[in-house]
Amino acid sequence: MKTYILMTKMSTEFTSKIKDRAQLGRNWLEQVKTKCPEVKFQAHYALLGEYDFMDIYEAPDDETAAKVSIISQVNGAFQAQSWTAIPYKNFLELVKDI
């Protein structure tokens, strides 16, 4: 499984519903679990900055990670990006020969 970082910025329509955030988040998570059962979440953070939320998760491939981002957009994300995360030890191995 590959590790991905999902960076989400919510639309202004959904930021105005901040009190409903817990239920909206549960709905999103249920959809991901139903449509991408192989995804394993490791962490979920609310952020104060350019993005509103960050999720760290594992998925078998890029297509599944893209599906997680699309589910986020369908559920009110203005922007959702899934980034590939390479473990630092693996990164050091990659750069050894450069």
PDB file of N, CA and C in Angstrom:
ATOM      1  N   MET A   1       0.849  -1.184   0.000  1.00  0.00           N
ATOM      2  CA  MET A   1       0.000   0.000   0.000  1.00  0.00           C
ATOM      3  C   MET A   1       0.890   1.241   0.000  1.00  0.00           C
ATOM      4  N   LYS A   2       0.440   2.244  -0.724  1.00  0.00           N
ATOM      5  CA  LYS A   2       1.135   3.527  -0.773  1.00  0.00           C
ATOM      6  C   LYS A   2       0.508   4.478   0.248  1.00  0.00           C
ATOM      7  N   THR A   3       1.307   5.426   0.720  1.00  0.00           N
ATOM      8  CA  THR A   3       0.804   6.439   1.645  1.00  0.00           C
ATOM      9  C   THR A   3       0.490   7.708   0.871  1.00  0.00           C
ATOM     10  N   TYR A   4      -0.636   8.323   1.193  1.00  0.00           N
ATOM     11  CA  TYR A   4      -1.074   9.563   0.544  1.00  0.00           C
ATOM     12  C   TYR A   4      -1.447  10.588   1.606  1.00  0.00           C
ATOM     13  N   ILE A   5      -1.319  11.847   1.220  1.00  0.00           N
ATOM     14  CA  ILE A   5      -1.763  12.968   2.047  1.00  0.00           C
ATOM     15  C   ILE A   5      -2.884  13.660   1.267  1.00  0.00           C
ATOM     16  N   LEU A   6      -4.054  13.752   1.878  1.00  0.00           N
ATOM     17  CA  LEU A   6      -5.182  14.452   1.254  1.00  0.00           C
ATOM     18  C   LEU A   6      -5.270  15.838   1.874  1.00  0.00           C
ATOM     19  N   MET A   7      -5.107  16.856   1.045  1.00  0.00           N
ATOM     20  CA  MET A   7      -5.220  18.248   1.482  1.00  0.00           C
ATOM     21  C   MET A   7      -6.545  18.781   0.952  1.00  0.00           C
ATOM     22  N   THR A   8      -7.394  19.272   1.866  1.00  0.00           N
ATOM     23  CA  THR A   8      -8.742  19.688   1.497  1.00  0.00           C
ATOM     24  C   THR A   8      -9.003  21.129   1.912  1.00  0.00           C
ATOM     25  N   LYS A   9      -9.562  21.888   0.980  1.00  0.00           N
ATOM     26  CA  LYS A   9     -10.045  23.239   1.257  1.00  0.00           C
ATOM     27  C   LYS A   9     -11.539  23.216   0.973  1.00  0.00           C
ATOM     28  N   MET A  10     -12.324  23.547   1.980  1.00  0.00           N
ATOM     29  CA  MET A  10     -13.775  23.500   1.836  1.00  0.00           C
ATOM     30  C   MET A  10     -14.299  24.737   1.103  1.00  0.00           C
ATOM     31  N   SER A  11     -15.420  24.576   0.428  1.00  0.00           N
ATOM     32  CA  SER A  11     -16.056  25.708  -0.239  1.00  0.00           C
ATOM     33  C   SER A  11     -16.648  26.637   0.817  1.00  0.00           C
ATOM     34  N   THR A  12     -16.849  27.887   0.460  1.00  0.00           N
ATOM     35  CA  THR A  12     -17.414  28.847   1.420  1.00  0.00           C
ATOM     36  C   THR A  12     -18.805  28.424   1.853  1.00  0.00           C
ATOM     37  N   GLU A  13     -19.546  27.741   0.985  1.00  0.00           N
ATOM     38  CA  GLU A  13     -20.877  27.237   1.355  1.00  0.00           C
ATOM     39  C   GLU A  13     -20.778  26.299   2.562  1.00  0.00           C
ATOM     40  N   PHE A  14     -19.755  25.452   2.567  1.00  0.00           N
ATOM     41  CA  PHE A  14     -19.621  24.480   3.643  1.00  0.00           C
ATOM     42  C   PHE A  14     -18.939  25.059   4.874  1.00  0.00           C
ATOM     43  N   THR A  15     -18.093  26.060   4.702  1.00  0.00           N
ATOM     44  CA  THR A  15     -17.484  26.668   5.884  1.00  0.00           C
ATOM     45  C   THR A  15     -18.528  27.434   6.687  1.00  0.00           C
ATOM     46  N   SER A  16     -19.594  27.877   6.038  1.00  0.00           N
ATOM     47  CA  SER A  16     -20.666  28.550   6.775  1.00  0.00           C
ATOM     48  C   SER A  16     -21.497  27.555   7.588  1.00  0.00           C
ATOM     49  N   LYS A  17     -21.331  26.260   7.310  1.00  0.00           N
ATOM     50  CA  LYS A  17     -22.044  25.204   8.049  1.00  0.00           C
ATOM     51  C   LYS A  17     -21.098  24.522   9.043  1.00  0.00           C
ATOM     52  N   ILE A  18     -20.216  25.296   9.645  1.00  0.00           N
ATOM     53  CA  ILE A  18     -19.173  24.734  10.499  1.00  0.00           C
ATOM     54  C   ILE A  18     -19.748  23.929  11.668  1.00  0.00           C
ATOM     55  N   LYS A  19     -20.907  24.305  12.171  1.00  0.00           N
ATOM     56  CA  LYS A  19     -21.513  23.573  13.294  1.00  0.00           C
ATOM     57  C   LYS A  19     -21.961  22.174  12.873  1.00  0.00           C
ATOM     58  N   ASP A  20     -22.174  21.974  11.578  1.00  0.00           N
ATOM     59  CA  ASP A  20     -22.572  20.668  11.055  1.00  0.00           C
ATOM     60  C   ASP A  20     -21.367  19.834  10.622  1.00  0.00           C
ATOM     61  N   ARG A  21     -20.155  20.332  10.880  1.00  0.00           N
ATOM     62  CA  ARG A  21     -18.936  19.714  10.379  1.00  0.00           C
ATOM     63  C   ARG A  21     -18.805  18.253  10.815  1.00  0.00           C
ATOM     64  N   ALA A  22     -19.145  17.943  12.047  1.00  0.00           N
ATOM     65  CA  ALA A  22     -18.992  16.564  12.527  1.00  0.00           C
ATOM     66  C   ALA A  22     -19.829  15.600  11.691  1.00  0.00           C
ATOM     67  N   GLN A  23     -21.084  15.959  11.438  1.00  0.00           N
ATOM     68  CA  GLN A  23     -21.956  15.089  10.647  1.00  0.00           C
ATOM     69  C   GLN A  23     -21.492  15.027   9.193  1.00  0.00           C
ATOM     70  N   LEU A  24     -21.087  16.157   8.635  1.00  0.00           N
ATOM     71  CA  LEU A  24     -20.591  16.178   7.253  1.00  0.00           C
ATOM     72  C   LEU A  24     -19.349  15.303   7.125  1.00  0.00           C
ATOM     73  N   GLY A  25     -18.475  15.367   8.127  1.00  0.00           N
ATOM     74  CA  GLY A  25     -17.270  14.531   8.117  1.00  0.00           C
ATOM     75  C   GLY A  25     -17.592  13.055   8.207  1.00  0.00           C
ATOM     76  N   ARG A  26     -18.570  12.699   9.050  1.00  0.00           N
ATOM     77  CA  ARG A  26     -18.982  11.288   9.152  1.00  0.00           C
ATOM     78  C   ARG A  26     -19.572  10.792   7.829  1.00  0.00           C
ATOM     79  N   ASN A  27     -20.380  11.632   7.181  1.00  0.00           N
ATOM     80  CA  ASN A  27     -20.960  11.262   5.882  1.00  0.00           C
ATOM     81  C   ASN A  27     -19.864  11.005   4.855  1.00  0.00           C
ATOM     82  N   TRP A  28     -18.870  11.901   4.819  1.00  0.00           N
ATOM     83  CA  TRP A  28     -17.750  11.752   3.876  1.00  0.00           C
ATOM     84  C   TRP A  28     -16.993  10.457   4.151  1.00  0.00           C
ATOM     85  N   LEU A  29     -16.673  10.209   5.424  1.00  0.00           N
ATOM     86  CA  LEU A  29     -15.916   9.019   5.778  1.00  0.00           C
ATOM     87  C   LEU A  29     -16.686   7.749   5.428  1.00  0.00           C
ATOM     88  N   GLU A  30     -17.978   7.745   5.655  1.00  0.00           N
ATOM     89  CA  GLU A  30     -18.805   6.581   5.321  1.00  0.00           C
ATOM     90  C   GLU A  30     -18.785   6.323   3.809  1.00  0.00           C
ATOM     91  N   GLN A  31     -18.848   7.375   3.023  1.00  0.00           N
ATOM     92  CA  GLN A  31     -18.786   7.214   1.557  1.00  0.00           C
ATOM     93  C   GLN A  31     -17.439   6.649   1.131  1.00  0.00           C
ATOM     94  N   VAL A  32     -16.353   7.151   1.724  1.00  0.00           N
ATOM     95  CA  VAL A  32     -15.023   6.631   1.376  1.00  0.00           C
ATOM     96  C   VAL A  32     -14.934   5.152   1.758  1.00  0.00           C
ATOM     97  N   LYS A  33     -15.398   4.805   2.954  1.00  0.00           N
ATOM     98  CA  LYS A  33     -15.337   3.406   3.394  1.00  0.00           C
ATOM     99  C   LYS A  33     -16.168   2.490   2.503  1.00  0.00           C
ATOM    100  N   THR A  34     -17.297   2.990   2.009  1.00  0.00           N
ATOM    101  CA  THR A  34     -18.165   2.190   1.145  1.00  0.00           C
ATOM    102  C   THR A  34     -17.575   2.040  -0.254  1.00  0.00           C
ATOM    103  N   LYS A  35     -17.088   3.141  -0.817  1.00  0.00           N
ATOM    104  CA  LYS A  35     -16.620   3.132  -2.209  1.00  0.00           C
ATOM    105  C   LYS A  35     -15.146   2.747  -2.357  1.00  0.00           C
ATOM    106  N   CYS A  36     -14.385   2.844  -1.270  1.00  0.00           N
ATOM    107  CA  CYS A  36     -12.952   2.509  -1.283  1.00  0.00           C
ATOM    108  C   CYS A  36     -12.617   1.722  -0.009  1.00  0.00           C
ATOM    109  N   PRO A  37     -13.168   0.514   0.142  1.00  0.00           N
ATOM    110  CA  PRO A  37     -12.994  -0.222   1.400  1.00  0.00           C
ATOM    111  C   PRO A  37     -11.542  -0.565   1.721  1.00  0.00           C
ATOM    112  N   GLU A  38     -10.674  -0.547   0.728  1.00  0.00           N
ATOM    113  CA  GLU A  38      -9.276  -0.890   0.955  1.00  0.00           C
ATOM    114  C   GLU A  38      -8.459   0.267   1.545  1.00  0.00           C
ATOM    115  N   VAL A  39      -9.020   1.476   1.582  1.00  0.00           N
ATOM    116  CA  VAL A  39      -8.327   2.644   2.123  1.00  0.00           C
ATOM    117  C   VAL A  39      -8.256   2.534   3.641  1.00  0.00           C
ATOM    118  N   LYS A  40      -7.065   2.816   4.184  1.00  0.00           N
ATOM    119  CA  LYS A  40      -6.861   2.791   5.631  1.00  0.00           C
ATOM    120  C   LYS A  40      -6.383   4.168   6.079  1.00  0.00           C
ATOM    121  N   PHE A  41      -7.185   4.828   6.912  1.00  0.00           N
ATOM    122  CA  PHE A  41      -6.834   6.157   7.401  1.00  0.00           C
ATOM    123  C   PHE A  41      -5.897   6.048   8.594  1.00  0.00           C
ATOM    124  N   GLN A  42      -4.882   6.889   8.615  1.00  0.00           N
ATOM    125  CA  GLN A  42      -3.915   6.914   9.709  1.00  0.00           C
ATOM    126  C   GLN A  42      -4.106   8.120  10.612  1.00  0.00           C
ATOM    127  N   ALA A  43      -4.509   9.267  10.035  1.00  0.00           N
ATOM    128  CA  ALA A  43      -4.651  10.492  10.838  1.00  0.00           C
ATOM    129  C   ALA A  43      -5.539  11.487  10.110  1.00  0.00           C
ATOM    130  N   HIS A  44      -6.199  12.347  10.894  1.00  0.00           N
ATOM    131  CA  HIS A  44      -7.058  13.406  10.354  1.00  0.00           C
ATOM    132  C   HIS A  44      -6.799  14.667  11.177  1.00  0.00           C
ATOM    133  N   TYR A  45      -6.505  15.762  10.500  1.00  0.00           N
ATOM    134  CA  TYR A  45      -6.191  17.020  11.180  1.00  0.00           C
ATOM    135  C   TYR A  45      -7.010  18.163  10.604  1.00  0.00           C
ATOM    136  N   ALA A  46      -7.453  19.063  11.466  1.00  0.00           N
ATOM    137  CA  ALA A  46      -8.007  20.352  11.044  1.00  0.00           C
ATOM    138  C   ALA A  46      -6.826  21.322  11.046  1.00  0.00           C
ATOM    139  N   LEU A  47      -6.761  22.177  10.037  1.00  0.00           N
ATOM    140  CA  LEU A  47      -5.615  23.073   9.880  1.00  0.00           C
ATOM    141  C   LEU A  47      -6.042  24.534   9.930  1.00  0.00           C
ATOM    142  N   LEU A  48      -5.132  25.379  10.315  1.00  0.00           N
ATOM    143  CA  LEU A  48      -5.328  26.829  10.272  1.00  0.00           C
ATOM    144  C   LEU A  48      -4.337  27.357   9.242  1.00  0.00           C
ATOM    145  N   GLY A  49      -4.785  27.531   8.025  1.00  0.00           N
ATOM    146  CA  GLY A  49      -3.879  27.962   6.968  1.00  0.00           C
ATOM    147  C   GLY A  49      -4.542  27.831   5.613  1.00  0.00           C
ATOM    148  N   GLU A  50      -3.741  27.552   4.602  1.00  0.00           N
ATOM    149  CA  GLU A  50      -4.233  27.477   3.225  1.00  0.00           C
ATOM    150  C   GLU A  50      -5.287  26.383   3.035  1.00  0.00           C
ATOM    151  N   TYR A  51      -5.106  25.263   3.725  1.00  0.00           N
ATOM    152  CA  TYR A  51      -6.056  24.150   3.638  1.00  0.00           C
ATOM    153  C   TYR A  51      -6.815  24.031   4.956  1.00  0.00           C
ATOM    154  N   ASP A  52      -8.007  23.436   4.900  1.00  0.00           N
ATOM    155  CA  ASP A  52      -8.830  23.263   6.095  1.00  0.00           C
ATOM    156  C   ASP A  52      -8.571  21.930   6.799  1.00  0.00           C
ATOM    157  N   PHE A  53      -8.292  20.877   6.021  1.00  0.00           N
ATOM    158  CA  PHE A  53      -8.098  19.556   6.599  1.00  0.00           C
ATOM    159  C   PHE A  53      -6.962  18.819   5.903  1.00  0.00           C
ATOM    160  N   MET A  54      -6.327  17.918   6.663  1.00  0.00           N
ATOM    161  CA  MET A  54      -5.296  17.040   6.124  1.00  0.00           C
ATOM    162  C   MET A  54      -5.576  15.639   6.631  1.00  0.00           C
ATOM    163  N   ASP A  55      -5.618  14.689   5.720  1.00  0.00           N
ATOM    164  CA  ASP A  55      -5.789  13.283   6.078  1.00  0.00           C
ATOM    165  C   ASP A  55      -4.596  12.507   5.551  1.00  0.00           C
ATOM    166  N   ILE A  56      -4.081  11.619   6.366  1.00  0.00           N
ATOM    167  CA  ILE A  56      -3.012  10.718   5.954  1.00  0.00           C
ATOM    168  C   ILE A  56      -3.647   9.338   5.851  1.00  0.00           C
ATOM    169  N   TYR A  57      -3.467   8.713   4.694  1.00  0.00           N
ATOM    170  CA  TYR A  57      -4.108   7.409   4.496  1.00  0.00           C
ATOM    171  C   TYR A  57      -3.285   6.536   3.564  1.00  0.00           C
ATOM    172  N   GLU A  58      -3.596   5.261   3.566  1.00  0.00           N
ATOM    173  CA  GLU A  58      -2.968   4.300   2.664  1.00  0.00           C
ATOM    174  C   GLU A  58      -4.000   3.827   1.655  1.00  0.00           C
ATOM    175  N   ALA A  59      -3.543   3.681   0.420  1.00  0.00           N
ATOM    176  CA  ALA A  59      -4.395   3.173  -0.658  1.00  0.00           C
ATOM    177  C   ALA A  59      -3.533   2.291  -1.556  1.00  0.00           C
ATOM    178  N   PRO A  60      -4.155   1.363  -2.258  1.00  0.00           N
ATOM    179  CA  PRO A  60      -3.373   0.445  -3.079  1.00  0.00           C
ATOM    180  C   PRO A  60      -2.779   1.075  -4.340  1.00  0.00           C
ATOM    181  N   ASP A  61      -3.399   2.167  -4.834  1.00  0.00           N
ATOM    182  CA  ASP A  61      -2.924   2.735  -6.092  1.00  0.00           C
ATOM    183  C   ASP A  61      -3.408   4.184  -6.249  1.00  0.00           C
ATOM    184  N   ASP A  62      -2.872   4.840  -7.288  1.00  0.00           N
ATOM    185  CA  ASP A  62      -3.199   6.244  -7.548  1.00  0.00           C
ATOM    186  C   ASP A  62      -4.673   6.443  -7.894  1.00  0.00           C
ATOM    187  N   GLU A  63      -5.274   5.477  -8.562  1.00  0.00           N
ATOM    188  CA  GLU A  63      -6.680   5.595  -8.941  1.00  0.00           C
ATOM    189  C   GLU A  63      -7.579   5.640  -7.705  1.00  0.00           C
ATOM    190  N   THR A  64      -7.266   4.812  -6.716  1.00  0.00           N
ATOM    191  CA  THR A  64      -8.051   4.826  -5.476  1.00  0.00           C
ATOM    192  C   THR A  64      -7.855   6.149  -4.745  1.00  0.00           C
ATOM    193  N   ALA A  65      -6.631   6.656  -4.727  1.00  0.00           N
ATOM    194  CA  ALA A  65      -6.366   7.955  -4.091  1.00  0.00           C
ATOM    195  C   ALA A  65      -7.139   9.061  -4.811  1.00  0.00           C
ATOM    196  N   ALA A  66      -7.202   8.991  -6.129  1.00  0.00           N
ATOM    197  CA  ALA A  66      -7.973   9.982  -6.895  1.00  0.00           C
ATOM    198  C   ALA A  66      -9.451   9.896  -6.523  1.00  0.00           C
ATOM    199  N   LYS A  67      -9.944   8.694  -6.315  1.00  0.00           N
ATOM    200  CA  LYS A  67     -11.345   8.503  -5.939  1.00  0.00           C
ATOM    201  C   LYS A  67     -11.644   9.160  -4.584  1.00  0.00           C
ATOM    202  N   VAL A  68     -10.704   9.050  -3.639  1.00  0.00           N
ATOM    203  CA  VAL A  68     -10.869   9.696  -2.335  1.00  0.00           C
ATOM    204  C   VAL A  68     -10.979  11.210  -2.525  1.00  0.00           C
ATOM    205  N   SER A  69     -10.134  11.779  -3.377  1.00  0.00           N
ATOM    206  CA  SER A  69     -10.191  13.221  -3.659  1.00  0.00           C
ATOM    207  C   SER A  69     -11.513  13.615  -4.307  1.00  0.00           C
ATOM    208  N   ILE A  70     -11.979  12.799  -5.228  1.00  0.00           N
ATOM    209  CA  ILE A  70     -13.244  13.093  -5.923  1.00  0.00           C
ATOM    210  C   ILE A  70     -14.421  13.030  -4.942  1.00  0.00           C
ATOM    211  N   ILE A  71     -14.413  12.046  -4.048  1.00  0.00           N
ATOM    212  CA  ILE A  71     -15.463  11.961  -3.035  1.00  0.00           C
ATOM    213  C   ILE A  71     -15.452  13.227  -2.170  1.00  0.00           C
ATOM    214  N   SER A  72     -14.278  13.741  -1.884  1.00  0.00           N
ATOM    215  CA  SER A  72     -14.169  14.980  -1.108  1.00  0.00           C
ATOM    216  C   SER A  72     -14.778  16.154  -1.860  1.00  0.00           C
ATOM    217  N   GLN A  73     -14.513  16.232  -3.148  1.00  0.00           N
ATOM    218  CA  GLN A  73     -15.056  17.333  -3.941  1.00  0.00           C
ATOM    219  C   GLN A  73     -16.577  17.245  -4.048  1.00  0.00           C
ATOM    220  N   VAL A  74     -17.105  16.055  -4.190  1.00  0.00           N
ATOM    221  CA  VAL A  74     -18.548  15.862  -4.265  1.00  0.00           C
ATOM    222  C   VAL A  74     -19.215  16.260  -2.944  1.00  0.00           C
ATOM    223  N   ASN A  75     -18.447  16.186  -1.849  1.00  0.00           N
ATOM    224  CA  ASN A  75     -18.971  16.498  -0.525  1.00  0.00           C
ATOM    225  C   ASN A  75     -18.590  17.898  -0.040  1.00  0.00           C
ATOM    226  N   GLY A  76     -18.371  18.814  -0.951  1.00  0.00           N
ATOM    227  CA  GLY A  76     -18.199  20.210  -0.575  1.00  0.00           C
ATOM    228  C   GLY A  76     -16.798  20.767  -0.568  1.00  0.00           C
ATOM    229  N   ALA A  77     -15.827  19.985  -0.975  1.00  0.00           N
ATOM    230  CA  ALA A  77     -14.468  20.516  -1.033  1.00  0.00           C
ATOM    231  C   ALA A  77     -14.319  21.405  -2.266  1.00  0.00           C
ATOM    232  N   PHE A  78     -13.812  22.595  -2.052  1.00  0.00           N
ATOM    233  CA  PHE A  78     -13.485  23.502  -3.159  1.00  0.00           C
ATOM    234  C   PHE A  78     -12.253  22.969  -3.871  1.00  0.00           C
ATOM    235  N   GLN A  79     -11.339  22.411  -3.089  1.00  0.00           N
ATOM    236  CA  GLN A  79     -10.098  21.859  -3.626  1.00  0.00           C
ATOM    237  C   GLN A  79      -9.740  20.636  -2.805  1.00  0.00           C
ATOM    238  N   ALA A  80      -9.347  19.550  -3.474  1.00  0.00           N
ATOM    239  CA  ALA A  80      -8.898  18.338  -2.794  1.00  0.00           C
ATOM    240  C   ALA A  80      -7.745  17.748  -3.591  1.00  0.00           C
ATOM    241  N   GLN A  81      -6.611  17.608  -2.938  1.00  0.00           N
ATOM    242  CA  GLN A  81      -5.425  17.065  -3.592  1.00  0.00           C
ATOM    243  C   GLN A  81      -4.907  15.876  -2.796  1.00  0.00           C
ATOM    244  N   SER A  82      -4.614  14.787  -3.488  1.00  0.00           N
ATOM    245  CA  SER A  82      -3.969  13.643  -2.848  1.00  0.00           C
ATOM    246  C   SER A  82      -2.525  13.602  -3.321  1.00  0.00           C
ATOM    247  N   TRP A  83      -1.618  13.721  -2.380  1.00  0.00           N
ATOM    248  CA  TRP A  83      -0.184  13.709  -2.677  1.00  0.00           C
ATOM    249  C   TRP A  83       0.402  12.367  -2.267  1.00  0.00           C
ATOM    250  N   THR A  84       1.332  11.858  -3.070  1.00  0.00           N
ATOM    251  CA  THR A  84       2.058  10.653  -2.708  1.00  0.00           C
ATOM    252  C   THR A  84       3.086  11.010  -1.635  1.00  0.00           C
ATOM    253  N   ALA A  85       3.166  10.206  -0.604  1.00  0.00           N
ATOM    254  CA  ALA A  85       4.150  10.416   0.463  1.00  0.00           C
ATOM    255  C   ALA A  85       5.134   9.251   0.446  1.00  0.00           C
ATOM    256  N   ILE A  86       6.413   9.584   0.383  1.00  0.00           N
ATOM    257  CA  ILE A  86       7.463   8.563   0.369  1.00  0.00           C
ATOM    258  C   ILE A  86       8.106   8.540   1.753  1.00  0.00           C
ATOM    259  N   PRO A  87       8.167   7.375   2.390  1.00  0.00           N
ATOM    260  CA  PRO A  87       8.845   7.310   3.690  1.00  0.00           C
ATOM    261  C   PRO A  87      10.276   7.857   3.569  1.00  0.00           C
ATOM    262  N   TYR A  88      10.691   8.589   4.584  1.00  0.00           N
ATOM    263  CA  TYR A  88      11.986   9.274   4.536  1.00  0.00           C
ATOM    264  C   TYR A  88      13.135   8.309   4.275  1.00  0.00           C
ATOM    265  N   LYS A  89      13.113   7.124   4.885  1.00  0.00           N
ATOM    266  CA  LYS A  89      14.179   6.143   4.652  1.00  0.00           C
ATOM    267  C   LYS A  89      14.232   5.742   3.179  1.00  0.00           C
ATOM    268  N   ASN A  90      13.076   5.587   2.556  1.00  0.00           N
ATOM    269  CA  ASN A  90      13.028   5.244   1.130  1.00  0.00           C
ATOM    270  C   ASN A  90      13.573   6.397   0.286  1.00  0.00           C
ATOM    271  N   PHE A  91      13.241   7.613   0.674  1.00  0.00           N
ATOM    272  CA  PHE A  91      13.743   8.793  -0.032  1.00  0.00           C
ATOM    273  C   PHE A  91      15.271   8.827   0.016  1.00  0.00           C
ATOM    274  N   LEU A  92      15.843   8.561   1.177  1.00  0.00           N
ATOM    275  CA  LEU A  92      17.302   8.555   1.294  1.00  0.00           C
ATOM    276  C   LEU A  92      17.936   7.496   0.403  1.00  0.00           C
ATOM    277  N   GLU A  93      17.282   6.357   0.260  1.00  0.00           N
ATOM    278  CA  GLU A  93      17.777   5.320  -0.653  1.00  0.00           C
ATOM    279  C   GLU A  93      17.733   5.799  -2.096  1.00  0.00           C
ATOM    280  N   LEU A  94      16.677   6.518  -2.452  1.00  0.00           N
ATOM    281  CA  LEU A  94      16.536   7.033  -3.818  1.00  0.00           C
ATOM    282  C   LEU A  94      17.657   8.005  -4.187  1.00  0.00           C
ATOM    283  N   VAL A  95      18.052   8.830  -3.246  1.00  0.00           N
ATOM    284  CA  VAL A  95      19.027   9.878  -3.558  1.00  0.00           C
ATOM    285  C   VAL A  95      20.469   9.435  -3.389  1.00  0.00           C
ATOM    286  N   LYS A  96      20.698   8.249  -2.897  1.00  0.00           N
ATOM    287  CA  LYS A  96      22.067   7.747  -2.693  1.00  0.00           C
ATOM    288  C   LYS A  96      22.883   7.792  -3.980  1.00  0.00           C
ATOM    289  N   ASP A  97      22.299   7.376  -5.075  1.00  0.00           N
ATOM    290  CA  ASP A  97      23.026   7.240  -6.333  1.00  0.00           C
ATOM    291  C   ASP A  97      23.010   8.514  -7.179  1.00  0.00           C
ATOM    292  N   ILE A  98      22.444   9.576  -6.680  1.00  0.00           N
ATOM    293  CA  ILE A  98      22.361  10.811  -7.474  1.00  0.00           C
ATOM    294  C   ILE A  98      23.579  11.664  -7.207  1.00  0.00           C
TER     295      ILE A  98
END
